[in-house]
Amino acid sequence: MGKPQNIEKDISRIQHTADGQTTIDNKLDELVALLDHSELDSEKIKALQQRLNGALDNLAASKTQSIDAFKHIQIDENASRAELLDEFSVLLSGNQLDSKMAKEYIRGERLSKLFLMFIGLVMVALGFAMIIMPAPPYFEMFTIYYFSPDDGVTLMDLISLLIILSGIFLIIRSMYKKSSTNS
C-alpha cells in the first residue's frame, strides 16, 4: 500500500511542478542507469518495453481524445443556451486543454487546407500544360472533333480538362472545407 501511494504522490508532484520536463528527464536518466546495471533477459525486456509503449500511447491518446471530445458536441436547435453551456463546461472540466494543444490543432487544420489547395493548383497547372504544350504524335490519342484537317480536340485534351476540373474541385474544397469540429 505504501509504494502506490508514494508513486501517486510523486506523479502529482511532477505534474504540479513548473519544471516538470526536467524532472521527467531526470527520472528517465535514472531509469536508463537502472537498466544499465540490471541483468534482464529478453522476456523481461519485452515486458518493460510493452509497458513503456503502453504508457506513452495512453499519453498521446489522451491528448487527441481531449480534442476529439469537442468534435462530438451535439448542437440541438431546440436546446437552450444554458444546456449547451452546461455540456461545454462538462467537456472542459473532463478534458484538460491548453493553448498549446489548441494551437497545434489549428495549425494542423490550416496545413491540411493549404496542402489540399497546393495539390489543386498543381493539378490545374499540369492540366493546362498538357493542353498548351504540343505532344508528340505517338502520344496524341484519338481525335474526337476536328476543327481543321490537322487540328482538333483529342482524348488527351479531354483528360487534361478532367485534371483541371479535379484541381479546381480540390481548391474549392480546401477553401470551403468545413472544419472537423462541425461534422
Protein backbone atom coordinates (compact mmCIF):
# COMPACT_ATOMS: atom_id res chain seq x y z
CA MET A 1 0.00 0.00 0.00
CA GLY A 2 2.82 2.40 0.78
CA LYS A 3 4.51 2.19 -2.61
CA PRO A 4 1.45 3.01 -4.78
CA GLN A 5 0.66 5.99 -2.57
CA ASN A 6 4.25 7.21 -2.84
CA ILE A 7 4.14 6.77 -6.60
CA GLU A 8 0.88 8.71 -6.79
CA LYS A 9 2.42 11.48 -4.68
CA ASP A 10 5.45 11.55 -6.98
CA ILE A 11 3.22 11.72 -10.04
CA SER A 12 1.13 14.56 -8.64
CA ARG A 13 4.28 16.41 -7.56
CA ILE A 14 5.76 16.02 -11.05
CA GLN A 15 2.59 17.30 -12.67
CA HIS A 16 2.39 20.34 -10.44
CA THR A 17 6.00 21.48 -10.61
CA ALA A 18 6.91 24.19 -13.04
CA ASP A 19 9.98 22.31 -14.20
CA GLY A 20 8.16 19.04 -14.85
CA GLN A 21 10.13 18.40 -18.02
CA THR A 22 13.46 18.43 -16.19
CA THR A 23 12.01 16.10 -13.56
CA ILE A 24 10.85 13.73 -16.27
CA ASP A 25 14.29 13.87 -17.87
CA ASN A 26 15.92 13.11 -14.51
CA LYS A 27 13.60 10.16 -13.90
CA LEU A 28 14.26 8.88 -17.40
CA ASP A 29 18.01 9.12 -16.81
CA GLU A 30 17.56 7.21 -13.54
CA LEU A 31 15.61 4.52 -15.39
CA VAL A 32 18.31 4.22 -18.05
CA ALA A 33 21.02 3.96 -15.39
CA LEU A 34 19.00 1.35 -13.52
CA LEU A 35 18.50 -0.68 -16.69
CA ASP A 36 22.23 -0.48 -17.48
CA HIS A 37 23.12 -2.05 -14.13
CA SER A 38 20.43 -4.74 -14.14
CA GLU A 39 20.55 -8.19 -15.63
CA LEU A 40 17.38 -8.64 -17.66
CA ASP A 41 16.51 -11.45 -20.02
CA SER A 42 14.68 -10.89 -23.29
CA GLU A 43 11.25 -11.69 -21.82
CA LYS A 44 11.57 -9.04 -19.10
CA ILE A 45 12.90 -6.53 -21.61
CA LYS A 46 9.91 -7.12 -23.88
CA ALA A 47 7.51 -6.76 -20.94
CA LEU A 48 9.14 -3.48 -19.86
CA GLN A 49 9.12 -2.19 -23.41
CA GLN A 50 5.42 -3.01 -23.78
CA ARG A 51 4.60 -1.25 -20.50
CA LEU A 52 6.55 1.85 -21.56
CA ASN A 53 4.98 1.86 -25.02
CA GLY A 54 1.53 1.43 -23.49
CA ALA A 55 2.08 4.37 -21.14
CA LEU A 56 3.31 6.59 -23.97
CA ASP A 57 0.40 5.54 -26.20
CA ASN A 58 -2.06 6.36 -23.42
CA LEU A 59 -0.48 9.78 -23.03
CA ALA A 60 -0.71 10.51 -26.75
CA ALA A 61 -4.24 9.11 -26.97
CA SER A 62 -5.44 11.25 -24.08
CA LYS A 63 -4.26 14.40 -25.87
CA THR A 64 -6.06 13.51 -29.10
CA GLN A 65 -9.16 12.35 -27.23
CA SER A 66 -9.41 15.69 -25.46
CA ILE A 67 -9.72 17.49 -28.81
CA ASP A 68 -11.94 14.76 -30.29
CA ALA A 69 -14.40 15.10 -27.43
CA PHE A 70 -15.23 18.63 -28.54
CA LYS A 71 -15.85 17.46 -32.11
CA HIS A 72 -18.81 15.41 -30.99
CA ILE A 73 -20.79 18.16 -29.30
CA GLN A 74 -24.40 17.74 -30.31
CA ILE A 75 -25.80 21.15 -31.17
CA ASP A 76 -29.53 20.76 -30.97
CA GLU A 77 -31.57 23.60 -32.40
CA ASN A 78 -34.14 23.21 -29.64
CA ALA A 79 -31.57 23.23 -26.84
CA SER A 80 -31.25 26.36 -24.79
CA ARG A 81 -28.00 28.21 -24.39
CA ALA A 82 -27.83 27.14 -20.76
CA GLU A 83 -27.94 23.46 -21.75
CA LEU A 84 -25.23 23.97 -24.36
CA LEU A 85 -23.14 25.87 -21.84
CA ASP A 86 -23.58 23.07 -19.31
CA GLU A 87 -22.46 20.47 -21.85
CA PHE A 88 -19.49 22.60 -22.80
CA SER A 89 -18.48 23.14 -19.17
CA VAL A 90 -18.68 19.38 -18.53
CA LEU A 91 -16.38 18.79 -21.50
CA LEU A 92 -13.95 21.45 -20.30
CA SER A 93 -13.82 20.00 -16.81
CA GLY A 94 -13.35 16.47 -18.12
CA ASN A 95 -10.68 17.25 -20.71
CA GLN A 96 -7.53 19.15 -19.98
CA LEU A 97 -6.87 21.61 -22.80
CA ASP A 98 -4.25 24.26 -23.03
CA SER A 99 -3.43 26.87 -25.62
CA LYS A 100 -0.54 24.82 -26.98
CA MET A 101 -2.84 21.91 -27.86
CA ALA A 102 -5.36 24.27 -29.43
CA LYS A 103 -2.65 25.98 -31.49
CA GLU A 104 -1.33 22.62 -32.68
CA TYR A 105 -4.82 21.56 -33.71
CA ILE A 106 -5.49 24.81 -35.58
CA ARG A 107 -2.07 24.64 -37.24
CA GLY A 108 -2.81 21.09 -38.41
CA GLU A 109 -6.17 22.14 -39.84
CA ARG A 110 -4.61 25.08 -41.69
CA LEU A 111 -1.74 22.98 -43.04
CA SER A 112 -4.14 20.37 -44.37
CA LYS A 113 -6.15 23.08 -46.14
CA LEU A 114 -3.01 24.66 -47.61
CA PHE A 115 -1.71 21.29 -48.75
CA LEU A 116 -5.02 20.48 -50.43
CA MET A 117 -5.01 23.88 -52.14
CA PHE A 118 -1.43 23.38 -53.31
CA ILE A 119 -2.28 19.99 -54.82
CA GLY A 120 -5.26 21.57 -56.61
CA LEU A 121 -3.10 24.36 -58.04
CA VAL A 122 -0.51 21.85 -59.26
CA MET A 123 -3.23 19.79 -60.93
CA VAL A 124 -4.65 22.86 -62.69
CA ALA A 125 -1.18 23.88 -63.88
CA LEU A 126 -0.41 20.38 -65.14
CA GLY A 127 -3.74 20.18 -66.94
CA PHE A 128 -3.16 23.48 -68.72
CA ALA A 129 0.40 22.45 -69.55
CA MET A 130 -0.89 19.24 -71.12
CA ILE A 131 -3.29 21.25 -73.31
CA ILE A 132 -0.92 24.08 -74.27
CA MET A 133 2.29 22.17 -74.86
CA PRO A 134 2.41 20.19 -78.08
CA ALA A 135 2.51 16.46 -77.57
CA PRO A 136 4.48 14.12 -79.81
CA PRO A 137 2.42 12.37 -82.49
CA TYR A 138 2.79 8.94 -80.89
CA PHE A 139 1.41 10.37 -77.63
CA GLU A 140 -1.58 12.04 -79.27
CA MET A 141 -4.60 9.86 -78.83
CA PHE A 142 -7.78 9.68 -80.82
CA THR A 143 -9.12 12.94 -82.20
CA ILE A 144 -12.73 13.36 -81.16
CA TYR A 145 -13.66 16.55 -83.01
CA TYR A 146 -11.75 18.11 -85.93
CA PHE A 147 -11.51 21.90 -86.27
CA SER A 148 -9.45 21.56 -89.40
CA PRO A 149 -7.87 18.61 -91.17
CA ASP A 150 -4.79 18.94 -88.95
CA ASP A 151 -6.21 20.10 -85.63
CA GLY A 152 -8.98 19.14 -83.25
CA VAL A 153 -9.97 18.09 -79.75
CA THR A 154 -8.19 14.92 -78.76
CA LEU A 155 -8.79 12.44 -75.99
CA MET A 156 -5.68 13.81 -74.29
CA ASP A 157 -7.29 17.27 -74.22
CA LEU A 158 -10.37 15.84 -72.53
CA ILE A 159 -8.23 14.04 -69.97
CA SER A 160 -6.42 17.33 -69.35
CA LEU A 161 -9.76 19.06 -68.80
CA LEU A 162 -10.71 16.39 -66.26
CA ILE A 163 -7.42 17.01 -64.45
CA ILE A 164 -8.10 20.77 -64.45
CA LEU A 165 -11.64 20.29 -63.15
CA SER A 166 -10.47 17.98 -60.38
CA GLY A 167 -7.82 20.56 -59.42
CA ILE A 168 -10.48 23.27 -59.28
CA PHE A 169 -12.64 20.98 -57.16
CA LEU A 170 -9.77 20.47 -54.71
CA ILE A 171 -9.13 24.21 -54.49
CA ILE A 172 -12.80 24.96 -53.81
CA ARG A 173 -12.98 22.08 -51.34
CA SER A 174 -9.97 23.43 -49.44
CA MET A 175 -11.44 26.94 -49.28
CA TYR A 176 -14.88 25.90 -48.14
CA LYS A 177 -13.96 22.81 -46.18
CA LYS A 178 -15.97 22.59 -43.02
CA SER A 179 -13.76 22.30 -40.01
CA SER A 180 -13.88 18.86 -38.46
CA THR A 181 -15.50 20.30 -35.33
CA ASN A 182 -18.69 20.93 -37.31
CA SER A 183 -19.02 17.45 -38.76
